[in-house]
Amino acid sequence: MSLEKTATRDVVRVFNKHLLNPVMLQLAGSKHFYASAIEHTGRRSGKHYVTPVVATRVADGFLVPLPYGTHTDWLLNLAARTNGSLRFHGSTFPVTAPTVVDAATAIAELPARRRRAYQRLGIRKFVHLNPASQRDEPAPTGTS
């Protein structure tokens, strides 16, 4: 990727992070909105974060495109903690074991419309989020 494209992508990423994301979070994860919200905990700070993402439900979990690559804070946080949750179309799903996959693998699982859009945008990496099973979730603590 050229230096010019990288610089442009970084400007867009910073704009989205500070201006667009706070607006998107008002609707992200709601039943009739296209964007979902990934909830994650900071790998160093321990602080709770919510980031809007575009998720697609697939047979064994969710696929999220990575237009800014694999070094975004939300993905690094999710990978470090190995779990978080995804608000998707009005429901919240605990997710675990984020796995980065290349476009060739992910594209095969996507609906044709999304497949074409991601190919046109040049998305090269996706993250596969697995829904956490009951045995993956920590046991409740304390008394009721």
N, C-alpha and C. Protein backbone atom coordinates (compact mmCIF):
# COMPACT_ATOMS: atom_id res chain seq x y z
N MET A 1 0.85 -1.17 0.00
CA MET A 1 0.00 0.00 0.00
C MET A 1 0.90 1.23 0.00
N SER A 2 0.53 2.22 -0.79
CA SER A 2 1.36 3.42 -0.89
C SER A 2 1.25 4.25 0.37
N LEU A 3 2.26 5.08 0.58
CA LEU A 3 2.30 5.96 1.74
C LEU A 3 1.11 6.92 1.72
N GLU A 4 0.73 7.38 0.54
CA GLU A 4 -0.39 8.31 0.39
C GLU A 4 -1.69 7.65 0.83
N LYS A 5 -1.93 6.39 0.41
CA LYS A 5 -3.14 5.68 0.80
C LYS A 5 -3.16 5.43 2.29
N THR A 6 -2.02 5.09 2.87
CA THR A 6 -1.93 4.85 4.30
C THR A 6 -2.25 6.12 5.08
N ALA A 7 -1.69 7.25 4.63
CA ALA A 7 -1.93 8.53 5.31
C ALA A 7 -3.41 8.91 5.22
N THR A 8 -4.02 8.72 4.07
CA THR A 8 -5.44 9.02 3.90
C THR A 8 -6.28 8.13 4.81
N ARG A 9 -5.96 6.85 4.85
CA ARG A 9 -6.69 5.92 5.70
C ARG A 9 -6.57 6.31 7.17
N ASP A 10 -5.40 6.76 7.60
CA ASP A 10 -5.20 7.18 8.98
C ASP A 10 -6.01 8.43 9.31
N VAL A 11 -6.10 9.37 8.37
CA VAL A 11 -6.91 10.58 8.58
C VAL A 11 -8.38 10.18 8.74
N VAL A 12 -8.86 9.30 7.89
CA VAL A 12 -10.25 8.84 7.98
C VAL A 12 -10.49 8.12 9.30
N ARG A 13 -9.54 7.28 9.71
CA ARG A 13 -9.66 6.54 10.96
C ARG A 13 -9.76 7.48 12.15
N VAL A 14 -8.92 8.49 12.21
CA VAL A 14 -8.94 9.45 13.32
C VAL A 14 -10.24 10.25 13.31
N PHE A 15 -10.69 10.68 12.12
CA PHE A 15 -11.96 11.39 12.01
C PHE A 15 -13.10 10.52 12.55
N ASN A 16 -13.14 9.28 12.10
CA ASN A 16 -14.19 8.37 12.56
C ASN A 16 -14.14 8.16 14.06
N LYS A 17 -12.95 7.95 14.59
CA LYS A 17 -12.80 7.66 16.02
C LYS A 17 -13.32 8.80 16.89
N HIS A 18 -13.00 10.03 16.51
CA HIS A 18 -13.32 11.16 17.37
C HIS A 18 -14.62 11.88 17.04
N LEU A 19 -15.09 11.80 15.81
CA LEU A 19 -16.29 12.54 15.42
C LEU A 19 -17.46 11.63 15.02
N LEU A 20 -17.21 10.69 14.14
CA LEU A 20 -18.30 9.86 13.64
C LEU A 20 -18.72 8.77 14.62
N ASN A 21 -17.77 8.10 15.26
CA ASN A 21 -18.10 7.00 16.16
C ASN A 21 -19.04 7.40 17.30
N PRO A 22 -18.82 8.54 17.97
CA PRO A 22 -19.76 8.91 19.04
C PRO A 22 -21.20 9.07 18.54
N VAL A 23 -21.36 9.57 17.32
CA VAL A 23 -22.69 9.70 16.74
C VAL A 23 -23.25 8.31 16.38
N MET A 24 -22.42 7.48 15.78
CA MET A 24 -22.83 6.12 15.39
C MET A 24 -23.28 5.30 16.60
N LEU A 25 -22.63 5.50 17.72
CA LEU A 25 -22.93 4.70 18.91
C LEU A 25 -24.33 4.96 19.45
N GLN A 26 -24.96 6.04 19.03
CA GLN A 26 -26.33 6.29 19.45
C GLN A 26 -27.28 5.22 18.89
N LEU A 27 -26.96 4.66 17.74
CA LEU A 27 -27.81 3.66 17.09
C LEU A 27 -27.16 2.29 16.92
N ALA A 28 -25.85 2.22 17.01
CA ALA A 28 -25.15 0.96 16.76
C ALA A 28 -25.67 -0.15 17.66
N GLY A 29 -25.96 -1.28 17.03
CA GLY A 29 -26.45 -2.44 17.76
C GLY A 29 -27.95 -2.49 17.89
N SER A 30 -28.64 -1.42 17.48
CA SER A 30 -30.10 -1.43 17.58
C SER A 30 -30.71 -2.30 16.48
N LYS A 31 -31.94 -2.66 16.68
CA LYS A 31 -32.59 -3.66 15.83
C LYS A 31 -32.57 -3.35 14.33
N HIS A 32 -32.78 -2.10 13.96
CA HIS A 32 -32.92 -1.79 12.53
C HIS A 32 -31.78 -0.95 11.96
N PHE A 33 -30.63 -0.96 12.64
CA PHE A 33 -29.49 -0.18 12.16
C PHE A 33 -28.42 -1.12 11.63
N TYR A 34 -27.72 -0.69 10.60
CA TYR A 34 -26.74 -1.57 9.95
C TYR A 34 -25.49 -1.82 10.80
N ALA A 35 -25.14 -0.88 11.66
CA ALA A 35 -23.91 -1.02 12.44
C ALA A 35 -24.18 -1.74 13.77
N SER A 36 -23.20 -2.50 14.19
CA SER A 36 -23.24 -3.17 15.49
C SER A 36 -22.29 -2.44 16.42
N ALA A 37 -22.24 -2.88 17.67
CA ALA A 37 -21.33 -2.27 18.64
C ALA A 37 -20.56 -3.37 19.35
N ILE A 38 -19.24 -3.26 19.31
CA ILE A 38 -18.39 -4.24 20.00
C ILE A 38 -18.00 -3.61 21.34
N GLU A 39 -18.22 -4.35 22.40
CA GLU A 39 -17.86 -3.90 23.74
C GLU A 39 -16.61 -4.66 24.16
N HIS A 40 -15.62 -3.91 24.63
CA HIS A 40 -14.33 -4.51 24.97
C HIS A 40 -13.70 -3.76 26.12
N THR A 41 -12.71 -4.38 26.75
CA THR A 41 -12.01 -3.79 27.89
C THR A 41 -10.58 -3.49 27.48
N GLY A 42 -10.12 -2.30 27.86
CA GLY A 42 -8.77 -1.88 27.51
C GLY A 42 -7.72 -2.85 28.04
N ARG A 43 -6.77 -3.18 27.19
CA ARG A 43 -5.74 -4.16 27.56
C ARG A 43 -4.76 -3.61 28.58
N ARG A 44 -4.58 -2.30 28.63
CA ARG A 44 -3.69 -1.69 29.62
C ARG A 44 -4.48 -0.95 30.70
N SER A 45 -5.49 -0.23 30.30
CA SER A 45 -6.24 0.63 31.24
C SER A 45 -7.29 -0.13 32.04
N GLY A 46 -7.83 -1.21 31.46
CA GLY A 46 -8.94 -1.91 32.10
C GLY A 46 -10.26 -1.17 31.93
N LYS A 47 -10.25 -0.09 31.18
CA LYS A 47 -11.44 0.74 30.95
C LYS A 47 -12.38 0.05 29.95
N HIS A 48 -13.68 0.26 30.14
CA HIS A 48 -14.70 -0.31 29.25
C HIS A 48 -14.87 0.60 28.03
N TYR A 49 -14.88 0.01 26.83
CA TYR A 49 -15.06 0.76 25.58
C TYR A 49 -16.15 0.13 24.74
N VAL A 50 -16.75 0.95 23.89
CA VAL A 50 -17.72 0.47 22.91
C VAL A 50 -17.35 1.12 21.59
N THR A 51 -17.24 0.29 20.54
CA THR A 51 -16.82 0.76 19.23
C THR A 51 -17.82 0.28 18.18
N PRO A 52 -18.29 1.17 17.31
CA PRO A 52 -19.19 0.72 16.24
C PRO A 52 -18.41 -0.07 15.18
N VAL A 53 -19.01 -1.15 14.72
CA VAL A 53 -18.43 -1.99 13.67
C VAL A 53 -19.57 -2.46 12.77
N VAL A 54 -19.22 -2.98 11.62
CA VAL A 54 -20.20 -3.60 10.73
C VAL A 54 -19.99 -5.10 10.84
N ALA A 55 -20.96 -5.78 11.41
CA ALA A 55 -20.85 -7.23 11.61
C ALA A 55 -21.87 -7.95 10.74
N THR A 56 -21.49 -9.11 10.28
CA THR A 56 -22.40 -9.97 9.52
C THR A 56 -22.51 -11.29 10.24
N ARG A 57 -23.72 -11.74 10.46
CA ARG A 57 -23.94 -13.04 11.10
C ARG A 57 -23.60 -14.13 10.09
N VAL A 58 -22.79 -15.08 10.50
CA VAL A 58 -22.45 -16.24 9.67
C VAL A 58 -22.77 -17.49 10.48
N ALA A 59 -22.67 -18.64 9.86
CA ALA A 59 -23.10 -19.89 10.47
C ALA A 59 -22.52 -20.11 11.87
N ASP A 60 -21.25 -19.79 12.06
CA ASP A 60 -20.62 -20.11 13.34
C ASP A 60 -20.17 -18.87 14.12
N GLY A 61 -20.83 -17.74 13.89
CA GLY A 61 -20.49 -16.53 14.63
C GLY A 61 -20.76 -15.27 13.83
N PHE A 62 -19.77 -14.39 13.83
CA PHE A 62 -19.89 -13.09 13.15
C PHE A 62 -18.59 -12.79 12.42
N LEU A 63 -18.71 -12.10 11.30
CA LEU A 63 -17.54 -11.59 10.58
C LEU A 63 -17.59 -10.06 10.61
N VAL A 64 -16.45 -9.46 10.90
CA VAL A 64 -16.32 -8.00 10.94
C VAL A 64 -15.16 -7.61 10.03
N PRO A 65 -15.41 -6.76 9.04
CA PRO A 65 -14.31 -6.32 8.17
C PRO A 65 -13.35 -5.44 8.95
N LEU A 66 -12.10 -5.45 8.55
CA LEU A 66 -11.05 -4.65 9.19
C LEU A 66 -10.48 -3.65 8.19
N PRO A 67 -11.23 -2.58 7.89
CA PRO A 67 -10.76 -1.63 6.88
C PRO A 67 -9.49 -0.89 7.29
N TYR A 68 -9.21 -0.82 8.59
CA TYR A 68 -8.00 -0.13 9.06
C TYR A 68 -6.91 -1.11 9.46
N GLY A 69 -7.07 -2.37 9.11
CA GLY A 69 -6.04 -3.37 9.41
C GLY A 69 -6.26 -4.04 10.76
N THR A 70 -5.26 -4.79 11.16
CA THR A 70 -5.37 -5.63 12.36
C THR A 70 -4.82 -4.97 13.62
N HIS A 71 -4.41 -3.71 13.53
CA HIS A 71 -3.81 -3.06 14.70
C HIS A 71 -4.71 -1.99 15.29
N THR A 72 -6.02 -2.16 15.16
CA THR A 72 -6.95 -1.21 15.78
C THR A 72 -7.05 -1.52 17.26
N ASP A 73 -7.31 -0.49 18.05
CA ASP A 73 -7.39 -0.68 19.50
C ASP A 73 -8.45 -1.69 19.90
N TRP A 74 -9.63 -1.61 19.27
CA TRP A 74 -10.69 -2.52 19.70
C TRP A 74 -10.30 -3.98 19.47
N LEU A 75 -9.64 -4.27 18.35
CA LEU A 75 -9.25 -5.65 18.07
C LEU A 75 -8.11 -6.10 18.99
N LEU A 76 -7.14 -5.23 19.22
CA LEU A 76 -6.05 -5.58 20.13
C LEU A 76 -6.58 -5.81 21.55
N ASN A 77 -7.54 -4.97 21.98
CA ASN A 77 -8.14 -5.15 23.30
C ASN A 77 -8.90 -6.47 23.38
N LEU A 78 -9.69 -6.75 22.37
CA LEU A 78 -10.48 -7.98 22.35
C LEU A 78 -9.57 -9.21 22.34
N ALA A 79 -8.50 -9.16 21.58
CA ALA A 79 -7.58 -10.29 21.50
C ALA A 79 -6.83 -10.48 22.83
N ALA A 80 -6.46 -9.37 23.48
CA ALA A 80 -5.73 -9.48 24.75
C ALA A 80 -6.59 -10.06 25.85
N ARG A 81 -7.85 -9.68 25.88
CA ARG A 81 -8.77 -10.16 26.92
C ARG A 81 -9.46 -11.46 26.50
N THR A 82 -9.43 -11.76 25.23
CA THR A 82 -10.03 -12.92 24.56
C THR A 82 -11.56 -12.95 24.60
N ASN A 83 -12.18 -11.92 25.15
CA ASN A 83 -13.64 -11.90 25.10
C ASN A 83 -14.17 -10.48 25.18
N GLY A 84 -15.43 -10.36 24.85
CA GLY A 84 -16.15 -9.09 24.89
C GLY A 84 -17.58 -9.40 24.54
N SER A 85 -18.29 -8.42 24.02
CA SER A 85 -19.65 -8.69 23.57
C SER A 85 -19.96 -7.86 22.34
N LEU A 86 -20.93 -8.33 21.60
CA LEU A 86 -21.34 -7.68 20.36
C LEU A 86 -22.84 -7.41 20.43
N ARG A 87 -23.22 -6.12 20.32
CA ARG A 87 -24.64 -5.77 20.19
C ARG A 87 -24.95 -5.81 18.70
N PHE A 88 -25.86 -6.69 18.33
CA PHE A 88 -26.15 -6.95 16.92
C PHE A 88 -27.67 -7.03 16.76
N HIS A 89 -28.23 -6.11 16.00
CA HIS A 89 -29.66 -6.09 15.69
C HIS A 89 -30.54 -6.25 16.93
N GLY A 90 -30.21 -5.52 17.98
CA GLY A 90 -31.03 -5.49 19.17
C GLY A 90 -30.73 -6.56 20.21
N SER A 91 -29.80 -7.45 19.95
CA SER A 91 -29.43 -8.48 20.91
C SER A 91 -27.94 -8.37 21.23
N THR A 92 -27.57 -8.81 22.42
CA THR A 92 -26.17 -8.79 22.82
C THR A 92 -25.65 -10.21 22.91
N PHE A 93 -24.51 -10.44 22.27
CA PHE A 93 -23.90 -11.76 22.23
C PHE A 93 -22.53 -11.70 22.87
N PRO A 94 -22.27 -12.50 23.91
CA PRO A 94 -20.89 -12.60 24.40
C PRO A 94 -20.07 -13.26 23.29
N VAL A 95 -18.89 -12.72 23.03
CA VAL A 95 -18.03 -13.30 21.99
C VAL A 95 -16.66 -13.58 22.57
N THR A 96 -16.00 -14.56 21.99
CA THR A 96 -14.70 -14.99 22.47
C THR A 96 -13.83 -15.41 21.29
N ALA A 97 -12.57 -15.60 21.54
CA ALA A 97 -11.62 -16.12 20.56
C ALA A 97 -11.68 -15.41 19.21
N PRO A 98 -11.39 -14.09 19.18
CA PRO A 98 -11.37 -13.42 17.88
C PRO A 98 -10.24 -13.98 17.01
N THR A 99 -10.58 -14.28 15.77
CA THR A 99 -9.62 -14.86 14.85
C THR A 99 -9.57 -14.02 13.58
N VAL A 100 -8.39 -13.52 13.24
CA VAL A 100 -8.23 -12.75 12.01
C VAL A 100 -8.17 -13.73 10.85
N VAL A 101 -8.98 -13.45 9.81
CA VAL A 101 -8.99 -14.30 8.61
C VAL A 101 -8.80 -13.41 7.39
N ASP A 102 -8.25 -13.99 6.33
CA ASP A 102 -8.05 -13.21 5.12
C ASP A 102 -9.36 -13.11 4.35
N ALA A 103 -9.38 -12.19 3.41
CA ALA A 103 -10.60 -11.91 2.65
C ALA A 103 -11.09 -13.14 1.89
N ALA A 104 -10.19 -13.93 1.32
CA ALA A 104 -10.60 -15.10 0.55
C ALA A 104 -11.42 -16.07 1.40
N THR A 105 -11.04 -16.22 2.65
CA THR A 105 -11.77 -17.10 3.56
C THR A 105 -13.11 -16.49 3.95
N ALA A 106 -13.10 -15.22 4.32
CA ALA A 106 -14.31 -14.55 4.79
C ALA A 106 -15.35 -14.35 3.69
N ILE A 107 -14.90 -13.95 2.53
CA ILE A 107 -15.81 -13.62 1.42
C ILE A 107 -16.77 -14.76 1.12
N ALA A 108 -16.28 -15.98 1.20
CA ALA A 108 -17.12 -17.14 0.89
C ALA A 108 -18.33 -17.25 1.80
N GLU A 109 -18.25 -16.69 3.02
CA GLU A 109 -19.35 -16.79 3.98
C GLU A 109 -20.32 -15.61 3.93
N LEU A 110 -19.97 -14.58 3.18
CA LEU A 110 -20.77 -13.36 3.17
C LEU A 110 -21.85 -13.37 2.10
N PRO A 111 -22.95 -12.65 2.34
CA PRO A 111 -23.96 -12.48 1.30
C PRO A 111 -23.35 -11.73 0.11
N ALA A 112 -23.87 -11.98 -1.07
CA ALA A 112 -23.31 -11.42 -2.30
C ALA A 112 -23.17 -9.90 -2.25
N ARG A 113 -24.14 -9.21 -1.72
CA ARG A 113 -24.10 -7.75 -1.69
C ARG A 113 -22.92 -7.24 -0.85
N ARG A 114 -22.74 -7.81 0.31
CA ARG A 114 -21.62 -7.41 1.17
C ARG A 114 -20.29 -7.84 0.55
N ARG A 115 -20.28 -9.01 -0.04
CA ARG A 115 -19.06 -9.53 -0.68
C ARG A 115 -18.57 -8.53 -1.72
N ARG A 116 -19.48 -8.08 -2.58
CA ARG A 116 -19.10 -7.12 -3.63
C ARG A 116 -18.62 -5.80 -3.03
N ALA A 117 -19.31 -5.32 -2.01
CA ALA A 117 -18.93 -4.05 -1.38
C ALA A 117 -17.54 -4.13 -0.77
N TYR A 118 -17.26 -5.19 -0.04
CA TYR A 118 -15.95 -5.33 0.60
C TYR A 118 -14.83 -5.53 -0.41
N GLN A 119 -15.14 -6.23 -1.50
CA GLN A 119 -14.14 -6.40 -2.55
C GLN A 119 -13.82 -5.05 -3.20
N ARG A 120 -14.87 -4.25 -3.47
CA ARG A 120 -14.65 -2.92 -4.07
C ARG A 120 -13.84 -2.01 -3.14
N LEU A 121 -14.07 -2.14 -1.84
CA LEU A 121 -13.37 -1.32 -0.87
C LEU A 121 -11.95 -1.82 -0.59
N GLY A 122 -11.62 -2.99 -1.10
CA GLY A 122 -10.28 -3.54 -0.92
C GLY A 122 -10.01 -4.05 0.49
N ILE A 123 -11.05 -4.52 1.17
CA ILE A 123 -10.87 -5.07 2.52
C ILE A 123 -10.11 -6.38 2.39
N ARG A 124 -8.98 -6.48 3.07
CA ARG A 124 -8.11 -7.66 2.96
C ARG A 124 -8.19 -8.58 4.16
N LYS A 125 -8.64 -8.05 5.31
CA LYS A 125 -8.70 -8.85 6.53
C LYS A 125 -10.05 -8.67 7.21
N PHE A 126 -10.47 -9.70 7.89
CA PHE A 126 -11.71 -9.72 8.67
C PHE A 126 -11.38 -10.36 10.01
N VAL A 127 -12.24 -10.14 10.98
CA VAL A 127 -12.11 -10.88 12.23
C VAL A 127 -13.37 -11.72 12.39
N HIS A 128 -13.16 -12.97 12.74
CA HIS A 128 -14.27 -13.88 13.03
C HIS A 128 -14.45 -13.89 14.54
N LEU A 129 -15.67 -13.59 14.98
CA LEU A 129 -15.99 -13.60 16.41
C LEU A 129 -16.86 -14.81 16.69
N ASN A 130 -16.45 -15.61 17.65
CA ASN A 130 -17.21 -16.79 18.04
C ASN A 130 -18.13 -16.45 19.19
N PRO A 131 -19.40 -16.84 19.11
CA PRO A 131 -20.27 -16.64 20.28
C PRO A 131 -19.76 -17.50 21.43
N ALA A 132 -19.71 -16.92 22.62
CA ALA A 132 -19.23 -17.66 23.79
C ALA A 132 -20.30 -18.67 24.22
N SER A 133 -19.87 -19.88 24.49
CA SER A 133 -20.81 -20.88 25.01
C SER A 133 -20.87 -20.70 26.51
N GLN A 134 -21.83 -21.35 27.13
CA GLN A 134 -21.99 -21.26 28.57
C GLN A 134 -20.71 -21.67 29.28
N ARG A 135 -20.02 -22.67 28.77
CA ARG A 135 -18.81 -23.14 29.45
C ARG A 135 -17.64 -22.16 29.29
N ASP A 136 -17.71 -21.27 28.27
CA ASP A 136 -16.65 -20.27 28.09
C ASP A 136 -16.81 -19.09 29.03
N GLU A 137 -18.04 -18.88 29.53
CA GLU A 137 -18.31 -17.73 30.38
C GLU A 137 -17.87 -18.03 31.81
N PRO A 138 -17.33 -17.02 32.50
CA PRO A 138 -16.93 -17.24 33.88
C PRO A 138 -18.14 -17.56 34.75
N ALA A 139 -17.93 -18.37 35.75
CA ALA A 139 -19.00 -18.71 36.68
C ALA A 139 -19.37 -17.48 37.48
N PRO A 140 -20.67 -17.29 37.80
CA PRO A 140 -21.09 -16.14 38.60
C PRO A 140 -20.43 -16.20 39.99
N THR A 141 -20.13 -15.03 40.52
CA THR A 141 -19.55 -14.98 41.85
C THR A 141 -20.52 -14.31 42.81
N GLY A 142 -20.33 -14.51 44.10
CA GLY A 142 -21.19 -13.87 45.09
C GLY A 142 -22.45 -14.67 45.31
N THR A 143 -23.32 -14.12 46.13
CA THR A 143 -24.60 -14.78 46.43
C THR A 143 -25.73 -13.95 45.91
N SER A 144 -26.86 -14.60 45.71
CA SER A 144 -28.03 -13.88 45.18
C SER A 144 -28.84 -13.29 46.29
